[in-house]
C-alpha atoms as a PDB file:
ATOM      1  CA  UNK A   1      43.396  52.269 -13.435  1.00  0.00           C
ATOM      2  CA  UNK A   2      43.693  54.151 -10.055  1.00  0.00           C
ATOM      3  CA  UNK A   3      40.349  55.950 -10.807  1.00  0.00           C
ATOM      4  CA  UNK A   4      38.443  52.535 -10.910  1.00  0.00           C
ATOM      5  CA  UNK A   5      40.207  51.005  -7.841  1.00  0.00           C
ATOM      6  CA  UNK A   6      38.846  53.440  -5.471  1.00  0.00           C
ATOM      7  CA  UNK A   7      35.027  53.283  -6.324  1.00  0.00           C
ATOM      8  CA  UNK A   8      35.458  49.329  -6.407  1.00  0.00           C
ATOM      9  CA  UNK A   9      37.050  49.159  -3.048  1.00  0.00           C
ATOM     10  CA  UNK A  10      34.358  51.455  -1.628  1.00  0.00           C
ATOM     11  CA  UNK A  11      31.680  49.176  -3.188  1.00  0.00           C
ATOM     12  CA  UNK A  12      33.192  46.034  -1.604  1.00  0.00           C
ATOM     13  CA  UNK A  13      33.310  47.696   1.727  1.00  0.00           C
ATOM     14  CA  UNK A  14      29.688  48.553   1.570  1.00  0.00           C
ATOM     15  CA  UNK A  15      28.729  44.902   0.474  1.00  0.00           C
ATOM     16  CA  UNK A  16      30.831  43.408   3.394  1.00  0.00           C
ATOM     17  CA  UNK A  17      29.549  45.702   5.937  1.00  0.00           C
ATOM     18  CA  UNK A  18      26.886  44.330   8.274  1.00  0.00           C
ATOM     19  CA  UNK A  19      23.518  46.136   8.374  1.00  0.00           C
ATOM     20  CA  UNK A  20      22.717  47.707  11.661  1.00  0.00           C
ATOM     21  CA  UNK A  21      18.894  48.039  12.009  1.00  0.00           C
ATOM     22  CA  UNK A  22      17.046  50.371  14.201  1.00  0.00           C
ATOM     23  CA  UNK A  23      14.227  48.067  15.397  1.00  0.00           C
ATOM     24  CA  UNK A  24      12.913  44.508  15.285  1.00  0.00           C
ATOM     25  CA  UNK A  25       9.417  43.026  15.402  1.00  0.00           C
ATOM     26  CA  UNK A  26       8.393  39.389  15.334  1.00  0.00           C
ATOM     27  CA  UNK A  27       5.265  37.229  14.811  1.00  0.00           C
ATOM     28  CA  UNK A  28       4.228  33.899  16.407  1.00  0.00           C
ATOM     29  CA  UNK A  29       3.113  30.930  14.372  1.00  0.00           C
ATOM     30  CA  UNK A  30       2.319  27.285  15.029  1.00  0.00           C
ATOM     31  CA  UNK A  31       3.399  24.123  13.149  1.00  0.00           C
ATOM     32  CA  UNK A  32       0.234  21.806  12.767  1.00  0.00           C
ATOM     33  CA  UNK A  33      -0.864  18.608  11.376  1.00  0.00           C
ATOM     34  CA  UNK A  34      -4.181  16.874  12.009  1.00  0.00           C
ATOM     35  CA  UNK A  35      -3.672  13.224  11.582  1.00  0.00           C
ATOM     36  CA  UNK A  36      -7.038  11.498  10.582  1.00  0.00           C
ATOM     37  CA  UNK A  37      -8.178   8.085  10.925  1.00  0.00           C
ATOM     38  CA  UNK A  38      -6.976   6.052   7.838  1.00  0.00           C
ATOM     39  CA  UNK A  39      -5.686   2.774   6.391  1.00  0.00           C
ATOM     40  CA  UNK A  40      -3.932   1.649   3.508  1.00  0.00           C
ATOM     41  CA  UNK A  41      -3.854  -1.774   2.158  1.00  0.00           C
ATOM     42  CA  UNK A  42      -1.690  -3.814  -0.417  1.00  0.00           C
ATOM     43  CA  UNK A  43      -1.851  -7.156  -1.674  1.00  0.00           C
ATOM     44  CA  UNK A  44       0.290  -9.234  -3.916  1.00  0.00           C
ATOM     45  CA  UNK A  45      -1.276 -11.587  -6.500  1.00  0.00           C
ATOM     46  CA  UNK A  46      -2.474 -15.184  -5.435  1.00  0.00           C
ATOM     47  CA  UNK A  47      -0.288 -16.736  -8.250  1.00  0.00           C
ATOM     48  CA  UNK A  48      -0.276 -20.503  -8.463  1.00  0.00           C
ATOM     49  CA  UNK A  49       2.456 -20.366 -11.086  1.00  0.00           C
ATOM     50  CA  UNK A  50       2.823 -22.898 -13.930  1.00  0.00           C
ATOM     51  CA  UNK A  51       0.672 -26.115 -13.680  1.00  0.00           C
ATOM     52  CA  UNK A  52       0.804 -28.865 -15.984  1.00  0.00           C
ATOM     53  CA  UNK A  53      -1.931 -31.210 -14.598  1.00  0.00           C
ATOM     54  CA  UNK A  54      -4.029 -30.277 -11.442  1.00  0.00           C
ATOM     55  CA  UNK A  55      -3.671 -32.921  -8.685  1.00  0.00           C
ATOM     56  CA  UNK A  56      -5.146 -31.026  -5.660  1.00  0.00           C
ATOM     57  CA  UNK A  57      -1.785 -30.249  -3.974  1.00  0.00           C
ATOM     58  CA  UNK A  58      -1.193 -26.893  -5.581  1.00  0.00           C
ATOM     59  CA  UNK A  59      -0.909 -24.047  -3.205  1.00  0.00           C
ATOM     60  CA  UNK A  60      -0.197 -20.309  -3.513  1.00  0.00           C
ATOM     61  CA  UNK A  61       0.217 -17.322  -0.971  1.00  0.00           C
ATOM     62  CA  UNK A  62      -0.428 -13.651  -1.367  1.00  0.00           C
ATOM     63  CA  UNK A  63       1.011 -11.121   1.085  1.00  0.00           C
ATOM     64  CA  UNK A  64      -1.212  -8.543   2.577  1.00  0.00           C
ATOM     65  CA  UNK A  65      -0.053  -5.371   4.372  1.00  0.00           C
ATOM     66  CA  UNK A  66      -2.445  -3.244   6.369  1.00  0.00           C
ATOM     67  CA  UNK A  67      -1.154   0.008   7.538  1.00  0.00           C
ATOM     68  CA  UNK A  68      -3.606   2.204   9.776  1.00  0.00           C
ATOM     69  CA  UNK A  69      -3.092   5.227  11.842  1.00  0.00           C
ATOM     70  CA  UNK A  70      -1.718   4.121  15.312  1.00  0.00           C
ATOM     71  CA  UNK A  71      -4.195   2.649  17.461  1.00  0.00           C
ATOM     72  CA  UNK A  72      -6.949   2.349  14.790  1.00  0.00           C
ATOM     73  CA  UNK A  73      -8.639  -1.067  14.942  1.00  0.00           C
ATOM     74  CA  UNK A  74      -9.766  -2.663  11.553  1.00  0.00           C
ATOM     75  CA  UNK A  75     -11.376  -5.803  10.254  1.00  0.00           C
ATOM     76  CA  UNK A  76     -10.861  -7.253   6.811  1.00  0.00           C
ATOM     77  CA  UNK A  77     -13.260  -9.185   4.564  1.00  0.00           C
ATOM     78  CA  UNK A  78     -13.747 -10.549   0.876  1.00  0.00           C
ATOM     79  CA  UNK A  79     -17.124  -9.152   1.147  1.00  0.00           C
ATOM     80  CA  UNK A  80     -18.137  -5.431   0.735  1.00  0.00           C
ATOM     81  CA  UNK A  81     -21.078  -5.591   3.070  1.00  0.00           C
ATOM     82  CA  UNK A  82     -22.512  -7.766   5.832  1.00  0.00           C
ATOM     83  CA  UNK A  83     -20.615 -10.067   7.970  1.00  0.00           C
ATOM     84  CA  UNK A  84     -16.721 -10.531   7.462  1.00  0.00           C
ATOM     85  CA  UNK A  85     -15.771 -13.195   5.099  1.00  0.00           C
ATOM     86  CA  UNK A  86     -12.327 -14.391   5.439  1.00  0.00           C
ATOM     87  CA  UNK A  87     -12.499 -17.475   3.270  1.00  0.00           C
ATOM     88  CA  UNK A  88     -14.036 -18.305  -0.078  1.00  0.00           C
ATOM     89  CA  UNK A  89     -14.228 -20.836  -2.985  1.00  0.00           C
ATOM     90  CA  UNK A  90     -14.319 -19.544  -6.454  1.00  0.00           C
ATOM     91  CA  UNK A  91     -13.004 -19.915  -9.932  1.00  0.00           C
ATOM     92  CA  UNK A  92     -10.680 -18.535 -12.301  1.00  0.00           C
ATOM     93  CA  UNK A  93     -11.728 -18.513 -15.935  1.00  0.00           C
ATOM     94  CA  UNK A  94     -10.516 -18.303 -19.423  1.00  0.00           C
ATOM     95  CA  UNK A  95     -13.379 -18.049 -21.777  1.00  0.00           C
ATOM     96  CA  UNK A  96     -15.860 -21.012 -21.069  1.00  0.00           C
ATOM     97  CA  UNK A  97     -13.039 -22.859 -19.215  1.00  0.00           C
ATOM     98  CA  UNK A  98     -12.480 -22.532 -15.498  1.00  0.00           C
ATOM     99  CA  UNK A  99     -10.359 -23.675 -12.626  1.00  0.00           C
ATOM    100  CA  UNK A 100     -11.836 -24.111  -9.061  1.00  0.00           C
ATOM    101  CA  UNK A 101      -9.804 -22.579  -6.135  1.00  0.00           C
ATOM    102  CA  UNK A 102     -10.270 -21.538  -2.550  1.00  0.00           C
ATOM    103  CA  UNK A 103      -8.657 -18.907  -0.530  1.00  0.00           C
ATOM    104  CA  UNK A 104      -8.510 -17.808   3.241  1.00  0.00           C
ATOM    105  CA  UNK A 105      -6.823 -15.004   5.079  1.00  0.00           C
ATOM    106  CA  UNK A 106      -4.582 -15.665   8.027  1.00  0.00           C
ATOM    107  CA  UNK A 107      -6.447 -13.369  10.165  1.00  0.00           C
ATOM    108  CA  UNK A 108      -9.484 -11.042  10.220  1.00  0.00           C
ATOM    109  CA  UNK A 109      -8.152  -7.807  11.506  1.00  0.00           C
ATOM    110  CA  UNK A 110      -5.994  -5.956  13.971  1.00  0.00           C
ATOM    111  CA  UNK A 111      -4.772  -2.510  15.102  1.00  0.00           C
ATOM    112  CA  UNK A 112      -2.216  -0.227  13.371  1.00  0.00           C
ATOM    113  CA  UNK A 113       0.337  -1.860  11.004  1.00  0.00           C
ATOM    114  CA  UNK A 114      -0.253  -5.738  10.497  1.00  0.00           C
ATOM    115  CA  UNK A 115       0.945  -8.098   7.831  1.00  0.00           C
ATOM    116  CA  UNK A 116      -1.403 -11.194   6.828  1.00  0.00           C
ATOM    117  CA  UNK A 117      -1.247 -14.050   4.272  1.00  0.00           C
ATOM    118  CA  UNK A 118      -3.928 -15.125   1.799  1.00  0.00           C
ATOM    119  CA  UNK A 119      -3.560 -18.943   1.281  1.00  0.00           C
ATOM    120  CA  UNK A 120      -4.842 -20.648  -1.827  1.00  0.00           C
ATOM    121  CA  UNK A 121      -5.292 -24.218  -2.910  1.00  0.00           C
ATOM    122  CA  UNK A 122      -6.500 -25.805  -6.214  1.00  0.00           C
ATOM    123  CA  UNK A 123      -8.735 -28.887  -5.361  1.00  0.00           C
ATOM    124  CA  UNK A 124      -8.437 -32.000  -7.325  1.00  0.00           C
ATOM    125  CA  UNK A 125     -10.342 -31.370 -10.612  1.00  0.00           C
ATOM    126  CA  UNK A 126     -10.273 -32.161 -14.330  1.00  0.00           C
ATOM    127  CA  UNK A 127      -7.508 -30.044 -15.751  1.00  0.00           C
ATOM    128  CA  UNK A 128      -8.885 -27.711 -18.444  1.00  0.00           C
ATOM    129  CA  UNK A 129      -6.892 -26.612 -21.522  1.00  0.00           C
ATOM    130  CA  UNK A 130      -3.681 -24.802 -21.334  1.00  0.00           C
ATOM    131  CA  UNK A 131      -4.214 -21.085 -20.994  1.00  0.00           C
ATOM    132  CA  UNK A 132      -4.085 -18.414 -18.277  1.00  0.00           C
ATOM    133  CA  UNK A 133      -6.820 -18.588 -15.865  1.00  0.00           C
ATOM    134  CA  UNK A 134      -7.609 -15.449 -13.763  1.00  0.00           C
ATOM    135  CA  UNK A 135     -10.194 -13.952 -11.310  1.00  0.00           C
ATOM    136  CA  UNK A 136     -10.094 -10.431 -10.136  1.00  0.00           C
ATOM    137  CA  UNK A 137     -10.946 -10.176  -6.398  1.00  0.00           C
ATOM    138  CA  UNK A 138     -11.102  -7.481  -3.698  1.00  0.00           C
ATOM    139  CA  UNK A 139     -10.023  -7.409  -0.158  1.00  0.00           C
ATOM    140  CA  UNK A 140     -12.038  -4.778   1.956  1.00  0.00           C
ATOM    141  CA  UNK A 141     -10.454  -3.145   5.103  1.00  0.00           C
ATOM    142  CA  UNK A 142     -13.087  -1.722   7.483  1.00  0.00           C
ATOM    143  CA  UNK A 143     -11.926   0.819  10.020  1.00  0.00           C
END
């Protein structure tokens, strides 16, 4: 037993001893990030919910969040090209049937991070057959 204790003690002493180095060198480095001009946009659905008979007072809202690099100005439009379009009238469809609606943005642009609302209304119209009516739209952010 004793013949194992001495080598074990010597090993423990070597492991716990701090190393003394004869020399040291170093290197400089730089931490970097290049922030690019960029924007991200999210929008919730413009959901009019469940409607039995369209009477012309139905409204809906969509929340829009635009987050651009600090100091980055932007404009928004429902049209991909041309002058900014911040309001439109269109139809949601299901097969051959449709539901007319209009929508408008609460603003046309800004700088940095800004929240907006898209407000929608259903005008008075003949109520079509019961079904889910939809239209896919795009909101463009130009920066």
